[in-house]
Amino acid sequence: MTHTSNNREIKALQEKLQQMTELFENTRINYQLLDDKAIIRHVNNSWLQCLGYNKEEVIDQPFRKFVAEKSIPGFNDLIKELEKN
C-alpha cells in the first residue's frame, strides 16, 4: 500500500466519522452513549434539549441519575442482564 492510498483511506475514514458524528449530534432522537458501568460518556443535542441539561451536567454521571424513580427497578434489571453478556 502506498503513502498516497493510505492518505486517501484516512481521509475517507475521517469524512465518514464526521458524517456519523453529525448524524448522531443532530438527529431529533435522544441518544446517549454509556460505558459498561452505565456511566454517560456522550449525549446528543436532542437529549440535552429534551431534558434541559448541558453536557457538563451529564457527562461522567451515572445514567440511573436521569431515570424516573418508578423506572429504576426495571433499569437495574436491564443493567444486570447486560452485565451477564
Protein backbone atom coordinates (compact mmCIF):
# COMPACT_ATOMS: atom_id res chain seq x y z
CA MET A 1 0.00 0.00 0.00
CA THR A 2 1.40 3.37 -0.94
CA HIS A 3 1.55 6.52 1.10
CA THR A 4 -0.97 8.17 -1.23
CA SER A 5 -3.51 5.36 -0.89
CA ASN A 6 -3.08 5.43 2.91
CA ASN A 7 -3.79 9.15 2.89
CA ARG A 8 -6.92 8.61 0.77
CA GLU A 9 -8.17 5.89 3.11
CA ILE A 10 -7.52 8.05 6.17
CA LYS A 11 -9.33 10.98 4.56
CA ALA A 12 -12.30 8.74 3.64
CA LEU A 13 -12.48 7.40 7.21
CA GLN A 14 -12.31 10.93 8.62
CA GLU A 15 -15.16 12.00 6.34
CA LYS A 16 -17.28 9.00 7.41
CA LEU A 17 -16.57 9.76 11.06
CA GLN A 18 -17.62 13.37 10.52
CA GLN A 19 -20.85 12.26 8.81
CA MET A 20 -21.70 9.82 11.60
CA THR A 21 -20.89 12.39 14.26
CA GLU A 22 -23.16 14.95 12.60
CA LEU A 23 -25.93 12.38 12.29
CA PHE A 24 -25.62 11.42 15.97
CA GLU A 25 -25.45 15.02 17.16
CA ASN A 26 -28.23 16.45 15.01
CA THR A 27 -30.89 13.74 14.91
CA ARG A 28 -34.18 14.50 16.63
CA ILE A 29 -33.96 11.24 18.56
CA ASN A 30 -32.40 11.33 22.02
CA TYR A 31 -29.18 9.33 22.05
CA GLN A 32 -26.68 8.65 24.77
CA LEU A 33 -23.54 6.56 24.90
CA LEU A 34 -22.97 4.67 28.12
CA ASP A 35 -19.94 2.71 29.22
CA ASP A 36 -20.10 -0.78 30.70
CA LYS A 37 -20.94 0.67 34.13
CA ALA A 38 -23.88 2.72 32.73
CA ILE A 39 -21.94 5.96 33.07
CA ILE A 40 -22.85 8.59 30.48
CA ARG A 41 -19.97 9.19 28.08
CA HIS A 42 -21.79 11.23 25.46
CA VAL A 43 -25.26 12.59 24.71
CA ASN A 44 -26.58 14.32 21.62
CA ASN A 45 -28.12 17.77 21.33
CA SER A 46 -31.69 16.45 21.25
CA TRP A 47 -31.14 14.63 24.56
CA LEU A 48 -29.84 17.81 26.15
CA GLN A 49 -32.68 19.98 24.84
CA CYS A 50 -35.37 17.47 25.79
CA LEU A 51 -34.12 17.01 29.35
CA GLY A 52 -32.90 20.57 29.90
CA TYR A 53 -29.28 19.85 30.79
CA ASN A 54 -25.94 20.89 29.38
CA LYS A 55 -23.15 18.41 28.64
CA GLU A 56 -21.11 19.38 31.67
CA GLU A 57 -24.01 18.35 33.92
CA VAL A 58 -24.40 14.86 32.48
CA ILE A 59 -21.08 13.57 31.15
CA ASP A 60 -19.46 11.10 33.58
CA GLN A 61 -22.69 10.82 35.59
CA PRO A 62 -24.49 7.52 36.24
CA PHE A 63 -27.36 7.15 33.78
CA ARG A 64 -29.66 5.98 36.59
CA LYS A 65 -29.47 9.54 37.95
CA PHE A 66 -31.63 10.56 34.97
CA VAL A 67 -34.07 7.63 35.13
CA ALA A 68 -37.55 8.30 36.57
CA GLU A 69 -37.88 6.95 40.12
CA LYS A 70 -40.58 4.46 39.15
CA SER A 71 -38.39 3.10 36.32
CA ILE A 72 -35.26 2.44 38.39
CA PRO A 73 -36.09 -1.21 39.27
CA GLY A 74 -36.57 -2.06 35.60
CA PHE A 75 -33.42 -0.16 34.69
CA ASN A 76 -31.43 -2.05 37.33
CA ASP A 77 -32.77 -5.35 35.97
CA LEU A 78 -31.73 -4.34 32.45
CA ILE A 79 -28.22 -3.45 33.60
CA LYS A 80 -27.88 -6.79 35.42
CA GLU A 81 -28.98 -8.61 32.28
CA LEU A 82 -26.50 -6.70 30.14
CA GLU A 83 -23.70 -7.42 32.58
CA LYS A 84 -24.27 -11.15 32.08
CA ASN A 85 -23.40 -10.81 28.40
